[in-house]
């Protein structure tokens, strides 16, 4: 039995106690939970649990720094991050461990959470997101990458972008990107890819950073549909977001991220960005000649090494 360390970055989280209680209740093997209180104390205070570690920051550090700090405190072989407003399937820990090889990121099926009943809504899970083309302006956040839910009758290579109904029996499947409310990996893998870059914005695009670092260094990002979690969409009624960036900061972070990954600037990668995009092509919004449109800087590094 190998321990799982669950990390929960938290700021102004009204459902933190419920999330912690549920994790301990539904885990079937040993876990520890590390709560990173970012510039606040919860009211009411957290209940006492064996294997609950509480770390408090006197000032607001943000998601990237808090996740890195919690991972350094972790003593488990496996590492899972969750938002402070989620519920989990019974035995989630055992089911996620079973599919997590040494350089994998594993994501359980994601449902929506009803905060009034503290149960998942009776709606289909969100299993697949596609990656937006970063040089086409988004109506909300401007240029840069976003992960969007697949809708309609999109289709593509090997049926990857076929309607999700056709993929419901594929219980383990590759995904290019995921929502950052929950991810699971081995601690050794998180450390090998350098965790999160703390020179970037305090939050935003963390899931994309983990996914790209994993795929581009020779690993794999998968959806494990044998287990699930349900995530609460934060709004005014449910307490609002604890971590926030201005719209301007979000736009700048997306542009920086697109430049960084599209131009192969990460020193740890062994595959170039073309390999990854081609693996999941065709994707909605991506032009067929995207590589020719964005050729100069991509080619400078990788063509010289062929």
C-alpha atoms as a PDB file:
ATOM      1  CA  UNK A   1       0.000   0.000   0.000  1.00  0.00           C
ATOM      2  CA  UNK A   2       1.598   3.258  -1.178  1.00  0.00           C
ATOM      3  CA  UNK A   3       0.571   6.569   0.321  1.00  0.00           C
ATOM      4  CA  UNK A   4      -1.185   9.315  -1.611  1.00  0.00           C
ATOM      5  CA  UNK A   5      -0.559  12.956  -0.708  1.00  0.00           C
ATOM      6  CA  UNK A   6      -3.511  15.205  -1.560  1.00  0.00           C
ATOM      7  CA  UNK A   7      -2.730  18.920  -1.850  1.00  0.00           C
ATOM      8  CA  UNK A   8      -5.438  21.563  -1.535  1.00  0.00           C
ATOM      9  CA  UNK A   9      -4.536  25.224  -2.182  1.00  0.00           C
ATOM     10  CA  UNK A  10      -7.223  27.269  -0.438  1.00  0.00           C
ATOM     11  CA  UNK A  11      -8.221  30.893  -0.164  1.00  0.00           C
ATOM     12  CA  UNK A  12     -11.637  32.021   1.117  1.00  0.00           C
ATOM     13  CA  UNK A  13     -13.131  28.548   0.654  1.00  0.00           C
ATOM     14  CA  UNK A  14     -16.531  27.966   2.333  1.00  0.00           C
ATOM     15  CA  UNK A  15     -16.608  24.248   1.401  1.00  0.00           C
ATOM     16  CA  UNK A  16     -13.102  23.299   2.517  1.00  0.00           C
ATOM     17  CA  UNK A  17     -14.233  21.198   5.505  1.00  0.00           C
ATOM     18  CA  UNK A  18     -16.653  19.223   3.345  1.00  0.00           C
ATOM     19  CA  UNK A  19     -13.957  18.564   0.759  1.00  0.00           C
ATOM     20  CA  UNK A  20     -11.434  17.364   3.345  1.00  0.00           C
ATOM     21  CA  UNK A  21     -13.987  15.176   5.136  1.00  0.00           C
ATOM     22  CA  UNK A  22     -15.046  13.565   1.866  1.00  0.00           C
ATOM     23  CA  UNK A  23     -11.516  12.758   0.800  1.00  0.00           C
ATOM     24  CA  UNK A  24     -10.752  10.935   4.038  1.00  0.00           C
ATOM     25  CA  UNK A  25     -14.100   9.144   3.901  1.00  0.00           C
ATOM     26  CA  UNK A  26     -13.775   7.900   0.331  1.00  0.00           C
ATOM     27  CA  UNK A  27     -10.100   6.948   0.194  1.00  0.00           C
ATOM     28  CA  UNK A  28      -9.549   3.194   0.584  1.00  0.00           C
ATOM     29  CA  UNK A  29      -5.817   3.310   1.274  1.00  0.00           C
ATOM     30  CA  UNK A  30      -3.552   5.610   3.266  1.00  0.00           C
ATOM     31  CA  UNK A  31      -3.679   9.292   2.367  1.00  0.00           C
ATOM     32  CA  UNK A  32      -2.407  12.509   3.850  1.00  0.00           C
ATOM     33  CA  UNK A  33      -4.010  15.849   3.042  1.00  0.00           C
ATOM     34  CA  UNK A  34      -1.942  19.030   2.876  1.00  0.00           C
ATOM     35  CA  UNK A  35      -4.044  22.196   2.989  1.00  0.00           C
ATOM     36  CA  UNK A  36      -2.240  25.380   1.968  1.00  0.00           C
ATOM     37  CA  UNK A  37      -4.136  28.300   3.524  1.00  0.00           C
ATOM     38  CA  UNK A  38      -3.216  31.273   1.384  1.00  0.00           C
ATOM     39  CA  UNK A  39      -3.455  34.452   3.443  1.00  0.00           C
ATOM     40  CA  UNK A  40      -6.581  33.516   5.409  1.00  0.00           C
ATOM     41  CA  UNK A  41      -7.906  31.303   8.207  1.00  0.00           C
ATOM     42  CA  UNK A  42     -11.063  29.270   7.532  1.00  0.00           C
ATOM     43  CA  UNK A  43     -14.158  29.987   9.598  1.00  0.00           C
ATOM     44  CA  UNK A  44     -15.237  27.576  10.956  1.00  0.00           C
ATOM     45  CA  UNK A  45     -11.768  26.087  11.496  1.00  0.00           C
ATOM     46  CA  UNK A  46     -10.807  22.804   9.870  1.00  0.00           C
ATOM     47  CA  UNK A  47     -11.832  19.700  11.779  1.00  0.00           C
ATOM     48  CA  UNK A  48      -9.086  17.541  13.237  1.00  0.00           C
ATOM     49  CA  UNK A  49      -8.060  14.474  11.256  1.00  0.00           C
ATOM     50  CA  UNK A  50      -5.130  12.115  11.467  1.00  0.00           C
ATOM     51  CA  UNK A  51      -2.818  12.816   8.509  1.00  0.00           C
ATOM     52  CA  UNK A  52      -4.156  16.333   7.979  1.00  0.00           C
ATOM     53  CA  UNK A  53      -1.367  18.882   7.564  1.00  0.00           C
ATOM     54  CA  UNK A  54      -2.232  22.576   7.619  1.00  0.00           C
ATOM     55  CA  UNK A  55       0.219  25.172   6.289  1.00  0.00           C
ATOM     56  CA  UNK A  56      -0.575  28.882   6.484  1.00  0.00           C
ATOM     57  CA  UNK A  57       0.811  31.744   4.409  1.00  0.00           C
ATOM     58  CA  UNK A  58       0.695  35.192   5.974  1.00  0.00           C
ATOM     59  CA  UNK A  59       0.335  36.736   2.524  1.00  0.00           C
ATOM     60  CA  UNK A  60      -1.240  35.605  -0.739  1.00  0.00           C
ATOM     61  CA  UNK A  61       1.178  33.514  -2.809  1.00  0.00           C
ATOM     62  CA  UNK A  62      -1.160  32.056  -5.427  1.00  0.00           C
ATOM     63  CA  UNK A  63      -1.746  28.634  -6.934  1.00  0.00           C
ATOM     64  CA  UNK A  64       1.627  27.927  -8.515  1.00  0.00           C
ATOM     65  CA  UNK A  65       3.717  28.647  -5.421  1.00  0.00           C
ATOM     66  CA  UNK A  66       1.259  26.872  -3.119  1.00  0.00           C
ATOM     67  CA  UNK A  67       1.176  23.695  -5.190  1.00  0.00           C
ATOM     68  CA  UNK A  68       4.963  23.574  -5.357  1.00  0.00           C
ATOM     69  CA  UNK A  69       5.259  24.175  -1.617  1.00  0.00           C
ATOM     70  CA  UNK A  70       2.705  21.483  -0.789  1.00  0.00           C
ATOM     71  CA  UNK A  71       4.465  18.970  -3.027  1.00  0.00           C
ATOM     72  CA  UNK A  72       7.683  19.524  -1.061  1.00  0.00           C
ATOM     73  CA  UNK A  73       5.830  18.714   2.167  1.00  0.00           C
ATOM     74  CA  UNK A  74       4.278  15.578   0.668  1.00  0.00           C
ATOM     75  CA  UNK A  75       5.544  12.213   1.901  1.00  0.00           C
ATOM     76  CA  UNK A  76       3.483   9.998  -0.413  1.00  0.00           C
ATOM     77  CA  UNK A  77       4.616   8.242  -3.572  1.00  0.00           C
ATOM     78  CA  UNK A  78       1.593   9.697  -5.358  1.00  0.00           C
ATOM     79  CA  UNK A  79       0.464  13.299  -5.523  1.00  0.00           C
ATOM     80  CA  UNK A  80      -3.020  14.604  -6.236  1.00  0.00           C
ATOM     81  CA  UNK A  81      -4.153  18.206  -6.376  1.00  0.00           C
ATOM     82  CA  UNK A  82      -7.779  19.132  -5.909  1.00  0.00           C
ATOM     83  CA  UNK A  83      -9.705  22.352  -5.553  1.00  0.00           C
ATOM     84  CA  UNK A  84     -11.280  22.977  -2.144  1.00  0.00           C
ATOM     85  CA  UNK A  85     -14.824  22.440  -3.454  1.00  0.00           C
ATOM     86  CA  UNK A  86     -14.958  18.890  -4.828  1.00  0.00           C
ATOM     87  CA  UNK A  87     -16.334  15.449  -4.004  1.00  0.00           C
ATOM     88  CA  UNK A  88     -14.816  12.095  -4.982  1.00  0.00           C
ATOM     89  CA  UNK A  89     -15.817   8.574  -5.895  1.00  0.00           C
ATOM     90  CA  UNK A  90     -15.394   5.801  -3.314  1.00  0.00           C
ATOM     91  CA  UNK A  91     -11.950   4.269  -3.797  1.00  0.00           C
ATOM     92  CA  UNK A  92     -10.774   7.073  -6.095  1.00  0.00           C
ATOM     93  CA  UNK A  93      -7.230   6.678  -4.788  1.00  0.00           C
ATOM     94  CA  UNK A  94      -6.899   2.978  -5.639  1.00  0.00           C
ATOM     95  CA  UNK A  95      -8.451   3.423  -9.081  1.00  0.00           C
ATOM     96  CA  UNK A  96      -6.172   6.338  -9.989  1.00  0.00           C
ATOM     97  CA  UNK A  97      -3.036   4.575  -8.746  1.00  0.00           C
ATOM     98  CA  UNK A  98      -3.840   1.570 -10.930  1.00  0.00           C
ATOM     99  CA  UNK A  99      -3.433   3.614 -14.126  1.00  0.00           C
ATOM    100  CA  UNK A 100      -0.602   5.946 -13.098  1.00  0.00           C
ATOM    101  CA  UNK A 101       2.756   4.925 -14.569  1.00  0.00           C
ATOM    102  CA  UNK A 102       5.957   6.767 -13.725  1.00  0.00           C
ATOM    103  CA  UNK A 103       5.560   9.644 -16.210  1.00  0.00           C
ATOM    104  CA  UNK A 104       1.783   9.912 -16.382  1.00  0.00           C
ATOM    105  CA  UNK A 105      -0.745  12.547 -15.401  1.00  0.00           C
ATOM    106  CA  UNK A 106      -4.117  10.919 -14.683  1.00  0.00           C
ATOM    107  CA  UNK A 107      -7.438  12.778 -14.584  1.00  0.00           C
ATOM    108  CA  UNK A 108     -10.660  11.199 -13.277  1.00  0.00           C
ATOM    109  CA  UNK A 109     -13.967  11.853 -15.041  1.00  0.00           C
ATOM    110  CA  UNK A 110     -15.223  15.335 -14.154  1.00  0.00           C
ATOM    111  CA  UNK A 111     -18.807  16.062 -13.162  1.00  0.00           C
ATOM    112  CA  UNK A 112     -20.481  19.226 -11.882  1.00  0.00           C
ATOM    113  CA  UNK A 113     -21.228  19.542  -8.157  1.00  0.00           C
ATOM    114  CA  UNK A 114     -24.493  20.775  -6.624  1.00  0.00           C
ATOM    115  CA  UNK A 115     -23.460  22.796  -3.556  1.00  0.00           C
ATOM    116  CA  UNK A 116     -26.943  22.566  -1.996  1.00  0.00           C
ATOM    117  CA  UNK A 117     -27.176  18.774  -1.965  1.00  0.00           C
ATOM    118  CA  UNK A 118     -23.392  18.153  -2.025  1.00  0.00           C
ATOM    119  CA  UNK A 119     -23.925  15.586  -4.756  1.00  0.00           C
ATOM    120  CA  UNK A 120     -22.975  15.546  -8.402  1.00  0.00           C
ATOM    121  CA  UNK A 121     -25.528  16.815 -10.908  1.00  0.00           C
ATOM    122  CA  UNK A 122     -27.267  14.265 -13.096  1.00  0.00           C
ATOM    123  CA  UNK A 123     -25.438  15.429 -16.198  1.00  0.00           C
ATOM    124  CA  UNK A 124     -22.814  13.711 -18.375  1.00  0.00           C
ATOM    125  CA  UNK A 125     -19.178  13.910 -17.340  1.00  0.00           C
ATOM    126  CA  UNK A 126     -16.881  16.306 -19.169  1.00  0.00           C
ATOM    127  CA  UNK A 127     -14.214  13.999 -20.550  1.00  0.00           C
ATOM    128  CA  UNK A 128     -12.621  15.795 -23.496  1.00  0.00           C
ATOM    129  CA  UNK A 129     -11.371  19.294 -24.147  1.00  0.00           C
ATOM    130  CA  UNK A 130      -9.748  20.481 -27.318  1.00  0.00           C
ATOM    131  CA  UNK A 131      -6.953  23.036 -27.450  1.00  0.00           C
ATOM    132  CA  UNK A 132      -7.800  26.311 -29.151  1.00  0.00           C
ATOM    133  CA  UNK A 133      -5.576  27.718 -31.858  1.00  0.00           C
ATOM    134  CA  UNK A 134      -3.502  30.337 -29.980  1.00  0.00           C
ATOM    135  CA  UNK A 135      -3.307  32.903 -32.774  1.00  0.00           C
ATOM    136  CA  UNK A 136      -7.043  33.284 -33.202  1.00  0.00           C
ATOM    137  CA  UNK A 137      -8.575  35.883 -30.890  1.00  0.00           C
ATOM    138  CA  UNK A 138     -10.831  34.481 -28.170  1.00  0.00           C
ATOM    139  CA  UNK A 139     -13.962  36.531 -27.549  1.00  0.00           C
ATOM    140  CA  UNK A 140     -13.373  36.463 -23.773  1.00  0.00           C
ATOM    141  CA  UNK A 141      -9.642  36.340 -23.073  1.00  0.00           C
ATOM    142  CA  UNK A 142      -7.921  37.344 -26.287  1.00  0.00           C
ATOM    143  CA  UNK A 143      -5.142  35.433 -28.037  1.00  0.00           C
ATOM    144  CA  UNK A 144      -3.580  32.317 -26.518  1.00  0.00           C
ATOM    145  CA  UNK A 145      -4.460  28.778 -25.503  1.00  0.00           C
ATOM    146  CA  UNK A 146      -7.745  27.684 -23.958  1.00  0.00           C
ATOM    147  CA  UNK A 147      -9.241  24.267 -23.321  1.00  0.00           C
ATOM    148  CA  UNK A 148     -12.802  24.032 -24.627  1.00  0.00           C
ATOM    149  CA  UNK A 149     -15.462  21.391 -24.284  1.00  0.00           C
ATOM    150  CA  UNK A 150     -16.256  19.409 -27.410  1.00  0.00           C
ATOM    151  CA  UNK A 151     -19.742  20.031 -28.702  1.00  0.00           C
ATOM    152  CA  UNK A 152     -21.716  19.106 -31.771  1.00  0.00           C
ATOM    153  CA  UNK A 153     -20.758  16.460 -34.277  1.00  0.00           C
ATOM    154  CA  UNK A 154     -17.047  17.190 -34.575  1.00  0.00           C
ATOM    155  CA  UNK A 155     -14.988  14.354 -35.949  1.00  0.00           C
ATOM    156  CA  UNK A 156     -11.356  13.601 -36.505  1.00  0.00           C
ATOM    157  CA  UNK A 157      -8.505  11.149 -36.745  1.00  0.00           C
ATOM    158  CA  UNK A 158      -9.234   7.754 -35.150  1.00  0.00           C
ATOM    159  CA  UNK A 159     -12.521   9.133 -33.931  1.00  0.00           C
ATOM    160  CA  UNK A 160     -10.824  11.095 -31.136  1.00  0.00           C
ATOM    161  CA  UNK A 161     -13.034  14.116 -31.684  1.00  0.00           C
ATOM    162  CA  UNK A 162     -16.145  12.124 -32.414  1.00  0.00           C
ATOM    163  CA  UNK A 163     -19.122  12.736 -30.124  1.00  0.00           C
ATOM    164  CA  UNK A 164     -18.307  11.563 -26.607  1.00  0.00           C
ATOM    165  CA  UNK A 165     -21.131   9.012 -26.757  1.00  0.00           C
ATOM    166  CA  UNK A 166     -18.991   6.974 -29.148  1.00  0.00           C
ATOM    167  CA  UNK A 167     -16.098   7.004 -26.674  1.00  0.00           C
ATOM    168  CA  UNK A 168     -17.964   6.207 -23.459  1.00  0.00           C
ATOM    169  CA  UNK A 169     -16.674   2.616 -23.390  1.00  0.00           C
ATOM    170  CA  UNK A 170     -13.060   3.700 -23.810  1.00  0.00           C
ATOM    171  CA  UNK A 171     -12.245   3.811 -20.103  1.00  0.00           C
ATOM    172  CA  UNK A 172      -8.620   4.965 -20.460  1.00  0.00           C
ATOM    173  CA  UNK A 173      -7.951   7.543 -23.156  1.00  0.00           C
ATOM    174  CA  UNK A 174      -5.340  10.127 -24.110  1.00  0.00           C
ATOM    175  CA  UNK A 175      -6.246  13.788 -23.631  1.00  0.00           C
ATOM    176  CA  UNK A 176      -4.320  16.855 -24.726  1.00  0.00           C
ATOM    177  CA  UNK A 177      -5.407  19.168 -21.907  1.00  0.00           C
ATOM    178  CA  UNK A 178      -7.671  19.196 -18.846  1.00  0.00           C
ATOM    179  CA  UNK A 179      -9.252  21.522 -16.326  1.00  0.00           C
ATOM    180  CA  UNK A 180      -6.900  22.205 -13.410  1.00  0.00           C
ATOM    181  CA  UNK A 181      -9.370  21.453 -10.606  1.00  0.00           C
ATOM    182  CA  UNK A 182      -7.910  17.949 -10.159  1.00  0.00           C
ATOM    183  CA  UNK A 183      -4.848  16.053 -11.347  1.00  0.00           C
ATOM    184  CA  UNK A 184      -3.011  12.924 -10.152  1.00  0.00           C
ATOM    185  CA  UNK A 185       0.578  11.829 -10.739  1.00  0.00           C
ATOM    186  CA  UNK A 186       3.627  10.350  -9.075  1.00  0.00           C
ATOM    187  CA  UNK A 187       5.563  12.790  -6.935  1.00  0.00           C
ATOM    188  CA  UNK A 188       8.740  11.773  -8.765  1.00  0.00           C
ATOM    189  CA  UNK A 189       7.204  12.817 -12.094  1.00  0.00           C
ATOM    190  CA  UNK A 190       6.060  16.184 -10.756  1.00  0.00           C
ATOM    191  CA  UNK A 191       9.597  16.817  -9.521  1.00  0.00           C
ATOM    192  CA  UNK A 192      11.220  15.572 -12.730  1.00  0.00           C
ATOM    193  CA  UNK A 193       9.352  18.164 -14.832  1.00  0.00           C
ATOM    194  CA  UNK A 194      10.177  20.948 -12.364  1.00  0.00           C
ATOM    195  CA  UNK A 195       6.705  21.447 -10.920  1.00  0.00           C
ATOM    196  CA  UNK A 196       5.220  24.836 -11.785  1.00  0.00           C
ATOM    197  CA  UNK A 197       7.167  27.816 -13.079  1.00  0.00           C
ATOM    198  CA  UNK A 198       6.923  30.357 -10.258  1.00  0.00           C
ATOM    199  CA  UNK A 199       8.068  33.288 -12.395  1.00  0.00           C
ATOM    200  CA  UNK A 200       4.762  33.123 -14.288  1.00  0.00           C
ATOM    201  CA  UNK A 201       1.436  34.534 -13.090  1.00  0.00           C
ATOM    202  CA  UNK A 202       0.273  33.293  -9.679  1.00  0.00           C
ATOM    203  CA  UNK A 203      -2.461  31.313 -11.440  1.00  0.00           C
ATOM    204  CA  UNK A 204      -3.800  30.585 -14.928  1.00  0.00           C
ATOM    205  CA  UNK A 205      -2.736  27.891 -17.398  1.00  0.00           C
ATOM    206  CA  UNK A 206      -1.348  25.563 -14.712  1.00  0.00           C
ATOM    207  CA  UNK A 207      -3.133  22.531 -16.189  1.00  0.00           C
ATOM    208  CA  UNK A 208      -1.779  23.306 -19.635  1.00  0.00           C
ATOM    209  CA  UNK A 209       1.719  23.661 -18.176  1.00  0.00           C
ATOM    210  CA  UNK A 210       1.515  20.199 -16.567  1.00  0.00           C
ATOM    211  CA  UNK A 211       0.003  18.606 -19.673  1.00  0.00           C
ATOM    212  CA  UNK A 212       2.554  20.095 -22.070  1.00  0.00           C
ATOM    213  CA  UNK A 213       5.519  19.308 -19.830  1.00  0.00           C
ATOM    214  CA  UNK A 214       4.335  15.713 -19.530  1.00  0.00           C
ATOM    215  CA  UNK A 215       3.621  15.100 -23.210  1.00  0.00           C
ATOM    216  CA  UNK A 216       6.700  16.974 -24.459  1.00  0.00           C
ATOM    217  CA  UNK A 217       9.088  15.141 -22.107  1.00  0.00           C
ATOM    218  CA  UNK A 218       7.932  11.703 -23.267  1.00  0.00           C
ATOM    219  CA  UNK A 219       5.061  11.093 -20.828  1.00  0.00           C
ATOM    220  CA  UNK A 220       1.342  10.645 -21.221  1.00  0.00           C
ATOM    221  CA  UNK A 221      -1.804  12.451 -20.013  1.00  0.00           C
ATOM    222  CA  UNK A 222      -4.866  10.235 -19.683  1.00  0.00           C
ATOM    223  CA  UNK A 223      -8.488  10.328 -18.638  1.00  0.00           C
ATOM    224  CA  UNK A 224      -9.399   7.460 -16.290  1.00  0.00           C
ATOM    225  CA  UNK A 225     -13.170   7.010 -16.597  1.00  0.00           C
ATOM    226  CA  UNK A 226     -13.195   4.203 -14.020  1.00  0.00           C
ATOM    227  CA  UNK A 227     -13.478   6.828 -11.298  1.00  0.00           C
ATOM    228  CA  UNK A 228     -14.750  10.397 -10.960  1.00  0.00           C
ATOM    229  CA  UNK A 229     -14.878  13.642  -9.068  1.00  0.00           C
ATOM    230  CA  UNK A 230     -17.408  16.473  -9.109  1.00  0.00           C
ATOM    231  CA  UNK A 231     -16.257  20.088  -9.153  1.00  0.00           C
ATOM    232  CA  UNK A 232     -18.211  23.130  -7.996  1.00  0.00           C
ATOM    233  CA  UNK A 233     -18.401  26.035 -10.412  1.00  0.00           C
ATOM    234  CA  UNK A 234     -17.656  29.114  -8.293  1.00  0.00           C
ATOM    235  CA  UNK A 235     -19.934  32.137  -8.569  1.00  0.00           C
ATOM    236  CA  UNK A 236     -21.390  34.772  -6.251  1.00  0.00           C
ATOM    237  CA  UNK A 237     -23.902  32.315  -4.811  1.00  0.00           C
ATOM    238  CA  UNK A 238     -21.195  29.802  -3.913  1.00  0.00           C
ATOM    239  CA  UNK A 239     -18.647  32.260  -2.513  1.00  0.00           C
ATOM    240  CA  UNK A 240     -16.805  33.422  -5.608  1.00  0.00           C
ATOM    241  CA  UNK A 241     -13.284  32.561  -6.623  1.00  0.00           C
ATOM    242  CA  UNK A 242     -10.633  32.494  -3.927  1.00  0.00           C
ATOM    243  CA  UNK A 243      -7.791  33.060  -6.408  1.00  0.00           C
ATOM    244  CA  UNK A 244      -8.210  35.795  -8.976  1.00  0.00           C
ATOM    245  CA  UNK A 245      -6.345  37.517 -11.780  1.00  0.00           C
ATOM    246  CA  UNK A 246      -7.424  40.591 -13.663  1.00  0.00           C
ATOM    247  CA  UNK A 247      -8.606  40.102 -17.233  1.00  0.00           C
ATOM    248  CA  UNK A 248      -5.505  41.955 -18.409  1.00  0.00           C
ATOM    249  CA  UNK A 249      -3.235  39.533 -16.510  1.00  0.00           C
ATOM    250  CA  UNK A 250      -5.138  36.571 -17.956  1.00  0.00           C
ATOM    251  CA  UNK A 251      -4.664  37.863 -21.491  1.00  0.00           C
ATOM    252  CA  UNK A 252      -0.959  38.486 -20.939  1.00  0.00           C
ATOM    253  CA  UNK A 253      -0.481  35.036 -19.396  1.00  0.00           C
ATOM    254  CA  UNK A 254      -2.197  33.355 -22.338  1.00  0.00           C
ATOM    255  CA  UNK A 255      -0.039  35.227 -24.849  1.00  0.00           C
ATOM    256  CA  UNK A 256       3.137  34.401 -22.941  1.00  0.00           C
ATOM    257  CA  UNK A 257       2.132  30.748 -22.658  1.00  0.00           C
ATOM    258  CA  UNK A 258       1.407  30.492 -26.385  1.00  0.00           C
ATOM    259  CA  UNK A 259       4.770  32.008 -27.270  1.00  0.00           C
ATOM    260  CA  UNK A 260       6.588  29.728 -24.820  1.00  0.00           C
ATOM    261  CA  UNK A 261       5.100  26.427 -25.972  1.00  0.00           C
ATOM    262  CA  UNK A 262       4.660  27.170 -29.682  1.00  0.00           C
ATOM    263  CA  UNK A 263       8.332  28.110 -29.912  1.00  0.00           C
ATOM    264  CA  UNK A 264       9.662  25.128 -27.938  1.00  0.00           C
ATOM    265  CA  UNK A 265      11.235  27.203 -25.188  1.00  0.00           C
ATOM    266  CA  UNK A 266      11.113  24.602 -22.404  1.00  0.00           C
ATOM    267  CA  UNK A 267      14.543  23.056 -21.891  1.00  0.00           C
ATOM    268  CA  UNK A 268      13.100  19.798 -20.559  1.00  0.00           C
ATOM    269  CA  UNK A 269      11.254  18.772 -23.707  1.00  0.00           C
ATOM    270  CA  UNK A 270      12.344  15.873 -25.908  1.00  0.00           C
ATOM    271  CA  UNK A 271       9.462  16.268 -28.381  1.00  0.00           C
ATOM    272  CA  UNK A 272       8.576  19.445 -30.233  1.00  0.00           C
ATOM    273  CA  UNK A 273       5.168  21.071 -30.252  1.00  0.00           C
ATOM    274  CA  UNK A 274       4.421  19.788 -33.753  1.00  0.00           C
ATOM    275  CA  UNK A 275       4.519  16.218 -32.487  1.00  0.00           C
ATOM    276  CA  UNK A 276       1.874  16.980 -29.870  1.00  0.00           C
ATOM    277  CA  UNK A 277      -0.480  18.949 -32.127  1.00  0.00           C
ATOM    278  CA  UNK A 278      -0.199  16.339 -34.855  1.00  0.00           C
ATOM    279  CA  UNK A 279      -1.006  13.555 -32.374  1.00  0.00           C
ATOM    280  CA  UNK A 280      -4.403  15.107 -31.660  1.00  0.00           C
ATOM    281  CA  UNK A 281      -5.087  16.573 -35.098  1.00  0.00           C
ATOM    282  CA  UNK A 282      -7.365  17.605 -36.601  1.00  0.00           C
ATOM    283  CA  UNK A 283      -8.606  19.902 -33.847  1.00  0.00           C
ATOM    284  CA  UNK A 284     -11.401  22.444 -34.215  1.00  0.00           C
ATOM    285  CA  UNK A 285     -10.190  25.950 -35.125  1.00  0.00           C
ATOM    286  CA  UNK A 286      -6.685  24.834 -36.184  1.00  0.00           C
ATOM    287  CA  UNK A 287      -5.886  25.615 -39.840  1.00  0.00           C
ATOM    288  CA  UNK A 288      -4.474  22.745 -41.882  1.00  0.00           C
ATOM    289  CA  UNK A 289      -1.360  24.768 -42.669  1.00  0.00           C
ATOM    290  CA  UNK A 290      -0.811  26.000 -39.084  1.00  0.00           C
ATOM    291  CA  UNK A 291       2.791  24.755 -39.103  1.00  0.00           C
ATOM    292  CA  UNK A 292       3.665  26.769 -42.201  1.00  0.00           C
ATOM    293  CA  UNK A 293       2.006  29.830 -40.743  1.00  0.00           C
ATOM    294  CA  UNK A 294       4.134  29.470 -37.641  1.00  0.00           C
ATOM    295  CA  UNK A 295       7.349  28.073 -39.078  1.00  0.00           C
ATOM    296  CA  UNK A 296      10.398  30.293 -38.381  1.00  0.00           C
ATOM    297  CA  UNK A 297      11.011  29.936 -34.638  1.00  0.00           C
ATOM    298  CA  UNK A 298       9.782  26.346 -34.452  1.00  0.00           C
ATOM    299  CA  UNK A 299      12.268  25.286 -37.093  1.00  0.00           C
ATOM    300  CA  UNK A 300      15.282  27.120 -35.704  1.00  0.00           C
ATOM    301  CA  UNK A 301      15.793  24.691 -32.832  1.00  0.00           C
ATOM    302  CA  UNK A 302      14.352  21.398 -33.977  1.00  0.00           C
ATOM    303  CA  UNK A 303      15.217  21.285 -37.669  1.00  0.00           C
ATOM    304  CA  UNK A 304      18.861  21.839 -36.790  1.00  0.00           C
ATOM    305  CA  UNK A 305      18.817  18.739 -34.578  1.00  0.00           C
ATOM    306  CA  UNK A 306      17.437  16.377 -37.218  1.00  0.00           C
END
